[in-house]
């Protein structure tokens, strides 16, 4: 699979396999770490180099710093995230009741995880999910359904009906701050808007860079982060212009007019010639069209093969987007190279497109 497809791994293992799982996390960091985009590592209630930390925070900027994971012997939760305009890689590891739960969402090449977890699920946007165990066995969806059907628990557990969801005050704080600053709704049809989610990620990053603190702890908002959100509201209020002061008009005293008639002004004939009005020069800016250089060749080939437009109303059509993903996959399988490099088409991929 090529690197432009988002991937997700969910793994479950016993806590005794922590050293084994650390090797997998290091391998995942090694293939996704970039010299320009660092990882933020946060460990809660962790034992690092035989010292206990309630909250441990460090930046991983180079591949040599990945070795820091080896010094973590115990923990409650570990979060690793790499967030930028082009990347959003998130790794979360939690430990509870002698079980480790691992989740990873990343953009990068496929990595073999079948020998690290007692049970794991792998997902991407192209193929159906598949399942694996720590012995390297891989199961398709139908095989997993057959296993579940044959499985009979000894004592059936009573399932409690979920009650009404409790809204956290932490969520309300962020919603109120966003709506007061942007004058836009943070929630639409019961879900968070994409603009609100991007705003939260940006504010989280700014908060960590300025204060070094953590916005959440055990599902609750921290006091530092709540004060930081309040300060953002105060800044927007201070930027507004102060209200205009109403000045009471003083009534001037009435002037005493003398009874003498004013002298008559001499009549002056007005010139009938009008002065020409100077026309205001209006700078007409020609609308600039941003050319998507990376799409020109692909869009041309798509239209040639299908007879359909790749762009409609200034946006890429779904048909063209699906065709691109299909071409990327075929190119990877036949040629083995990357279709893009630093935002531009590679020569190999241009030759491949021209041959279609």
Protein backbone atom coordinates (compact mmCIF):
# COMPACT_ATOMS: atom_id res chain seq x y z
CA UNK A 1 0.00 0.00 0.00
CA UNK A 2 1.30 3.48 -0.75
CA UNK A 3 1.88 6.20 1.81
CA UNK A 4 -1.04 8.49 0.89
CA UNK A 5 -3.62 6.07 2.33
CA UNK A 6 -4.48 6.57 6.05
CA UNK A 7 -4.03 3.45 8.16
CA UNK A 8 -5.22 2.33 11.58
CA UNK A 9 -4.01 -0.45 13.90
CA UNK A 10 -5.79 -1.60 17.07
CA UNK A 11 -3.94 -4.12 19.21
CA UNK A 12 -4.54 -5.88 22.56
CA UNK A 13 -1.87 -7.74 24.56
CA UNK A 14 -0.96 -8.72 28.11
CA UNK A 15 1.16 -6.24 30.08
CA UNK A 16 3.99 -8.77 30.17
CA UNK A 17 4.47 -8.10 26.43
CA UNK A 18 5.35 -4.41 27.01
CA UNK A 19 9.00 -4.77 25.97
CA UNK A 20 7.89 -6.54 22.80
CA UNK A 21 5.33 -3.83 22.00
CA UNK A 22 7.95 -1.10 22.56
CA UNK A 23 9.92 -2.56 19.63
CA UNK A 24 6.88 -2.17 17.38
CA UNK A 25 6.30 1.47 18.50
CA UNK A 26 9.96 2.27 17.76
CA UNK A 27 9.63 0.78 14.28
CA UNK A 28 6.45 2.80 13.63
CA UNK A 29 8.14 6.02 14.78
CA UNK A 30 11.17 5.26 12.63
CA UNK A 31 9.12 5.14 9.40
CA UNK A 32 6.91 8.20 10.18
CA UNK A 33 9.36 10.59 11.92
CA UNK A 34 10.41 13.56 9.80
CA UNK A 35 13.28 15.96 10.51
CA UNK A 36 10.91 18.92 10.08
CA UNK A 37 7.95 17.48 12.01
CA UNK A 38 8.65 16.18 15.51
CA UNK A 39 6.65 13.89 17.80
CA UNK A 40 5.33 14.96 21.22
CA UNK A 41 5.53 12.19 23.84
CA UNK A 42 3.40 12.42 27.01
CA UNK A 43 3.44 9.70 29.68
CA UNK A 44 1.10 9.72 32.72
CA UNK A 45 1.88 7.98 36.03
CA UNK A 46 4.98 6.47 34.46
CA UNK A 47 8.20 4.98 35.84
CA UNK A 48 11.14 6.17 33.75
CA UNK A 49 14.74 5.30 34.70
CA UNK A 50 13.44 4.05 38.10
CA UNK A 51 11.82 7.43 38.83
CA UNK A 52 8.07 7.97 39.10
CA UNK A 53 6.52 10.83 37.09
CA UNK A 54 2.93 12.00 37.37
CA UNK A 55 3.33 13.63 33.94
CA UNK A 56 6.36 13.25 31.69
CA UNK A 57 6.62 15.38 28.54
CA UNK A 58 9.36 15.34 25.90
CA UNK A 59 9.81 16.12 22.19
CA UNK A 60 11.25 13.46 19.86
CA UNK A 61 13.03 15.38 17.11
CA UNK A 62 15.43 12.76 15.75
CA UNK A 63 15.56 8.99 15.27
CA UNK A 64 18.28 8.78 17.93
CA UNK A 65 15.77 10.07 20.55
CA UNK A 66 13.40 7.15 19.83
CA UNK A 67 15.53 5.18 22.31
CA UNK A 68 13.80 7.17 25.11
CA UNK A 69 10.97 4.61 24.94
CA UNK A 70 13.31 1.92 26.27
CA UNK A 71 13.57 3.73 29.63
CA UNK A 72 9.76 3.56 30.26
CA UNK A 73 9.15 0.46 32.40
CA UNK A 74 5.63 1.18 33.68
CA UNK A 75 2.84 3.65 32.84
CA UNK A 76 -0.87 4.36 32.91
CA UNK A 77 -1.08 6.07 29.52
CA UNK A 78 1.33 7.10 26.75
CA UNK A 79 0.42 9.46 23.91
CA UNK A 80 2.55 10.21 20.87
CA UNK A 81 1.33 12.65 18.27
CA UNK A 82 2.76 14.38 15.21
CA UNK A 83 0.51 17.14 13.88
CA UNK A 84 1.10 19.55 10.99
CA UNK A 85 -0.60 20.86 7.85
CA UNK A 86 0.19 17.66 5.96
CA UNK A 87 0.49 14.99 8.69
CA UNK A 88 -1.58 13.79 11.61
CA UNK A 89 -0.07 10.69 13.21
CA UNK A 90 -1.40 9.63 16.62
CA UNK A 91 -0.28 6.70 18.81
CA UNK A 92 -2.00 5.92 22.14
CA UNK A 93 -1.05 3.16 24.60
CA UNK A 94 -3.10 2.47 27.76
CA UNK A 95 -2.64 -0.11 30.51
CA UNK A 96 -5.45 -1.33 32.75
CA UNK A 97 -5.93 -4.59 34.68
CA UNK A 98 -2.77 -6.19 33.28
CA UNK A 99 -3.87 -5.54 29.68
CA UNK A 100 -2.29 -3.14 27.18
CA UNK A 101 -4.49 -1.49 24.52
CA UNK A 102 -2.66 0.02 21.55
CA UNK A 103 -4.20 2.31 18.89
CA UNK A 104 -2.42 4.05 16.03
CA UNK A 105 -3.66 6.29 13.21
CA UNK A 106 -0.91 7.22 10.78
CA UNK A 107 0.01 8.11 7.20
CA UNK A 108 2.87 5.95 5.99
CA UNK A 109 3.87 2.61 4.54
CA UNK A 110 2.30 -0.62 5.78
CA UNK A 111 4.17 -2.23 8.68
CA UNK A 112 4.02 -5.87 9.82
CA UNK A 113 2.33 -6.03 13.25
CA UNK A 114 1.14 -9.65 13.27
CA UNK A 115 3.71 -10.94 15.81
CA UNK A 116 3.37 -8.25 18.47
CA UNK A 117 -0.22 -8.40 19.79
CA UNK A 118 -2.37 -11.23 21.12
CA UNK A 119 -5.16 -9.82 18.96
CA UNK A 120 -4.98 -6.99 16.40
CA UNK A 121 -7.11 -5.32 13.72
CA UNK A 122 -5.66 -3.58 10.68
CA UNK A 123 -7.70 -1.09 8.61
CA UNK A 124 -7.14 1.13 5.61
CA UNK A 125 -9.41 2.94 3.16
CA UNK A 126 -8.75 0.55 0.25
CA UNK A 127 -9.17 -3.03 1.51
CA UNK A 128 -11.37 -4.81 4.01
CA UNK A 129 -10.00 -5.03 7.57
CA UNK A 130 -8.16 -8.15 8.64
CA UNK A 131 -7.32 -9.64 12.03
CA UNK A 132 -4.19 -11.29 13.42
CA UNK A 133 -2.75 -12.95 16.53
CA UNK A 134 0.71 -13.14 18.13
CA UNK A 135 1.57 -16.31 16.17
CA UNK A 136 1.38 -14.52 12.81
CA UNK A 137 -1.99 -15.99 11.81
CA UNK A 138 -4.14 -13.66 9.68
CA UNK A 139 -7.95 -13.95 9.59
CA UNK A 140 -10.44 -12.43 7.18
CA UNK A 141 -13.78 -10.97 8.28
CA UNK A 142 -15.73 -14.17 7.49
CA UNK A 143 -13.27 -16.30 9.49
CA UNK A 144 -13.60 -14.04 12.52
CA UNK A 145 -17.40 -14.30 12.30
CA UNK A 146 -17.13 -18.10 12.35
CA UNK A 147 -14.82 -17.98 15.39
CA UNK A 148 -17.22 -15.71 17.27
CA UNK A 149 -20.14 -17.97 16.36
CA UNK A 150 -18.37 -21.05 17.78
CA UNK A 151 -17.29 -19.24 20.93
CA UNK A 152 -19.57 -19.81 23.92
CA UNK A 153 -18.84 -17.93 27.16
CA UNK A 154 -19.16 -19.85 30.40
CA UNK A 155 -21.25 -17.28 32.24
CA UNK A 156 -23.22 -14.77 30.18
CA UNK A 157 -22.71 -11.25 31.44
CA UNK A 158 -25.63 -8.93 31.97
CA UNK A 159 -25.44 -5.99 29.61
CA UNK A 160 -26.44 -2.72 31.20
CA UNK A 161 -28.43 -0.37 29.06
CA UNK A 162 -26.50 2.82 28.42
CA UNK A 163 -27.97 5.80 30.20
CA UNK A 164 -28.17 9.35 28.87
CA UNK A 165 -24.75 10.68 27.94
CA UNK A 166 -23.36 13.22 30.38
CA UNK A 167 -21.94 16.32 28.80
CA UNK A 168 -18.55 17.22 30.23
CA UNK A 169 -17.85 20.77 31.37
CA UNK A 170 -14.53 20.51 29.54
CA UNK A 171 -16.37 20.21 26.23
CA UNK A 172 -18.61 23.18 27.07
CA UNK A 173 -15.59 25.39 27.83
CA UNK A 174 -14.08 24.78 24.40
CA UNK A 175 -17.43 25.15 22.62
CA UNK A 176 -18.19 28.47 24.35
CA UNK A 177 -14.70 29.85 23.64
CA UNK A 178 -14.84 28.84 19.95
CA UNK A 179 -18.33 30.27 19.41
CA UNK A 180 -17.55 33.58 21.15
CA UNK A 181 -14.33 34.07 19.16
CA UNK A 182 -15.50 32.93 15.69
CA UNK A 183 -19.26 33.62 15.97
CA UNK A 184 -19.82 30.17 14.42
CA UNK A 185 -21.47 26.99 15.73
CA UNK A 186 -19.08 24.36 17.08
CA UNK A 187 -21.66 21.56 16.84
CA UNK A 188 -23.91 20.82 13.87
CA UNK A 189 -26.50 18.03 13.82
CA UNK A 190 -25.13 16.59 17.07
CA UNK A 191 -21.47 16.31 15.90
CA UNK A 192 -18.45 18.60 16.01
CA UNK A 193 -17.75 20.60 12.86
CA UNK A 194 -14.44 20.10 11.03
CA UNK A 195 -13.57 23.77 11.60
CA UNK A 196 -14.07 23.32 15.36
CA UNK A 197 -11.90 20.16 15.42
CA UNK A 198 -9.06 21.94 13.55
CA UNK A 199 -9.37 24.90 15.93
CA UNK A 200 -9.08 22.61 18.96
CA UNK A 201 -5.92 20.94 17.60
CA UNK A 202 -4.35 24.33 16.87
CA UNK A 203 -5.21 25.73 20.33
CA UNK A 204 -3.89 22.53 22.00
CA UNK A 205 -0.57 22.94 20.18
CA UNK A 206 -0.32 26.66 21.03
CA UNK A 207 -1.12 25.92 24.69
CA UNK A 208 1.60 23.26 24.93
CA UNK A 209 4.17 25.50 23.24
CA UNK A 210 3.43 28.51 25.47
CA UNK A 211 2.81 26.83 28.85
CA UNK A 212 4.22 23.30 28.52
CA UNK A 213 1.10 21.94 30.24
CA UNK A 214 -1.37 19.25 29.24
CA UNK A 215 -4.94 20.30 28.25
CA UNK A 216 -6.62 17.14 29.64
CA UNK A 217 -5.97 14.73 32.49
CA UNK A 218 -8.08 11.59 33.06
CA UNK A 219 -10.91 12.90 30.86
CA UNK A 220 -11.09 16.28 32.59
CA UNK A 221 -9.85 19.69 31.54
CA UNK A 222 -6.88 21.09 33.49
CA UNK A 223 -7.16 24.41 35.34
CA UNK A 224 -4.29 25.88 33.33
CA UNK A 225 -6.04 25.11 30.05
CA UNK A 226 -9.35 26.55 31.32
CA UNK A 227 -7.59 29.81 32.27
CA UNK A 228 -5.91 29.84 28.85
CA UNK A 229 -9.30 29.53 27.10
CA UNK A 230 -10.65 32.45 29.18
CA UNK A 231 -7.64 34.56 28.19
CA UNK A 232 -8.44 33.98 24.50
CA UNK A 233 -11.94 35.39 25.03
CA UNK A 234 -10.53 38.47 26.83
CA UNK A 235 -8.14 39.14 23.94
CA UNK A 236 -10.96 39.17 21.38
CA UNK A 237 -13.05 41.51 23.59
CA UNK A 238 -10.11 43.94 24.05
CA UNK A 239 -9.56 44.13 20.25
CA UNK A 240 -13.08 45.52 19.72
CA UNK A 241 -13.39 49.31 19.47
CA UNK A 242 -14.79 51.05 22.60
CA UNK A 243 -18.39 52.31 22.38
CA UNK A 244 -18.89 55.88 21.17
CA UNK A 245 -19.48 58.42 23.92
CA UNK A 246 -22.71 60.33 23.67
CA UNK A 247 -21.96 64.05 23.95
CA UNK A 248 -24.81 66.25 25.01
CA UNK A 249 -25.18 69.20 22.67
CA UNK A 250 -25.19 72.52 24.44
CA UNK A 251 -27.82 74.93 23.19
CA UNK A 252 -26.11 78.23 22.32
CA UNK A 253 -27.73 81.39 23.64
CA UNK A 254 -30.03 83.17 21.24
CA UNK A 255 -28.37 86.02 19.42
CA UNK A 256 -30.06 89.40 19.44
CA UNK A 257 -30.61 90.41 15.83
CA UNK A 258 -30.47 94.12 15.10
CA UNK A 259 -33.40 95.58 13.24
CA UNK A 260 -31.14 97.06 10.56
CA UNK A 261 -31.45 95.27 7.24
CA UNK A 262 -28.25 93.54 6.03
CA UNK A 263 -26.53 95.06 2.98
CA UNK A 264 -27.58 93.53 -0.30
CA UNK A 265 -25.00 91.31 -1.96
CA UNK A 266 -24.18 92.12 -5.56
CA UNK A 267 -25.64 89.70 -8.02
CA UNK A 268 -22.96 87.58 -9.70
CA UNK A 269 -23.77 85.57 -12.76
CA UNK A 270 -22.87 81.97 -12.30
CA UNK A 271 -20.76 80.42 -15.00
CA UNK A 272 -22.73 78.06 -17.16
CA UNK A 273 -19.62 76.05 -17.98
CA UNK A 274 -19.36 72.95 -15.81
CA UNK A 275 -16.05 71.64 -14.71
CA UNK A 276 -15.37 68.13 -15.96
CA UNK A 277 -15.65 65.52 -13.21
CA UNK A 278 -12.49 63.52 -12.81
CA UNK A 279 -13.27 59.84 -13.31
CA UNK A 280 -12.05 57.62 -10.52
CA UNK A 281 -9.56 55.13 -11.72
CA UNK A 282 -10.66 51.68 -10.63
CA UNK A 283 -8.01 49.04 -10.51
CA UNK A 284 -9.62 46.01 -12.00
CA UNK A 285 -7.73 43.05 -10.69
CA UNK A 286 -7.89 40.12 -13.02
CA UNK A 287 -9.00 36.99 -11.16
CA UNK A 288 -6.03 34.75 -10.64
CA UNK A 289 -6.53 31.05 -11.19
CA UNK A 290 -4.32 28.81 -9.10
CA UNK A 291 -3.07 26.03 -11.29
CA UNK A 292 -2.80 22.67 -9.57
CA UNK A 293 0.40 21.54 -11.24
CA UNK A 294 0.28 18.07 -9.68
CA UNK A 295 -3.20 17.47 -11.14
CA UNK A 296 -2.68 18.75 -14.73
CA UNK A 297 -1.34 15.52 -16.23
CA UNK A 298 -3.57 13.26 -14.14
CA UNK A 299 -6.69 15.31 -15.00
CA UNK A 300 -5.77 15.27 -18.71
CA UNK A 301 -5.31 11.45 -18.73
CA UNK A 302 -8.54 10.97 -16.74
CA UNK A 303 -10.57 13.04 -19.22
CA UNK A 304 -8.93 11.25 -22.16
CA UNK A 305 -9.79 7.79 -20.80
CA UNK A 306 -13.23 8.44 -19.31
CA UNK A 307 -14.45 11.48 -21.25
CA UNK A 308 -15.40 13.15 -17.93
CA UNK A 309 -14.09 16.32 -16.28
CA UNK A 310 -11.76 15.86 -13.32
CA UNK A 311 -12.69 19.20 -11.73
CA UNK A 312 -16.23 20.54 -11.44
CA UNK A 313 -17.15 23.81 -9.71
CA UNK A 314 -13.54 24.37 -8.61
CA UNK A 315 -13.37 21.02 -6.77
CA UNK A 316 -12.03 17.58 -7.58
CA UNK A 317 -14.83 15.13 -8.43
CA UNK A 318 -15.25 11.89 -6.49
CA UNK A 319 -14.89 9.90 -9.68
CA UNK A 320 -11.51 11.49 -10.38
CA UNK A 321 -10.36 11.01 -6.78
CA UNK A 322 -11.27 7.29 -6.85
CA UNK A 323 -9.55 6.91 -10.25
CA UNK A 324 -6.37 8.48 -8.85
CA UNK A 325 -6.25 6.11 -5.87
CA UNK A 326 -6.76 3.18 -8.25
CA UNK A 327 -3.92 4.39 -10.55
CA UNK A 328 -1.60 4.93 -7.54
CA UNK A 329 -2.18 1.37 -6.38
CA UNK A 330 -1.57 -0.11 -9.87
CA UNK A 331 1.57 1.99 -10.28
CA UNK A 332 2.90 0.82 -6.90
CA UNK A 333 2.27 -2.82 -7.77
CA UNK A 334 3.75 -2.67 -11.29
CA UNK A 335 6.61 -0.17 -10.92
CA UNK A 336 7.24 -0.03 -7.17
CA UNK A 337 8.00 3.71 -7.10
CA UNK A 338 6.26 6.67 -5.49
CA UNK A 339 3.79 8.71 -7.57
CA UNK A 340 4.75 11.97 -5.84
CA UNK A 341 7.88 13.47 -4.37
CA UNK A 342 7.77 16.80 -2.50
CA UNK A 343 4.35 17.66 -3.94
CA UNK A 344 5.31 16.99 -7.59
CA UNK A 345 4.77 14.01 -9.91
CA UNK A 346 7.75 11.72 -10.27
CA UNK A 347 9.19 11.09 -13.75
CA UNK A 348 8.34 7.38 -13.51
CA UNK A 349 4.71 8.17 -12.73
CA UNK A 350 4.48 10.70 -15.61
CA UNK A 351 5.79 8.04 -18.02
CA UNK A 352 3.30 5.53 -16.58
CA UNK A 353 0.39 7.96 -17.06
CA UNK A 354 1.46 8.74 -20.63
CA UNK A 355 1.47 5.01 -21.44
CA UNK A 356 -2.20 4.60 -20.45
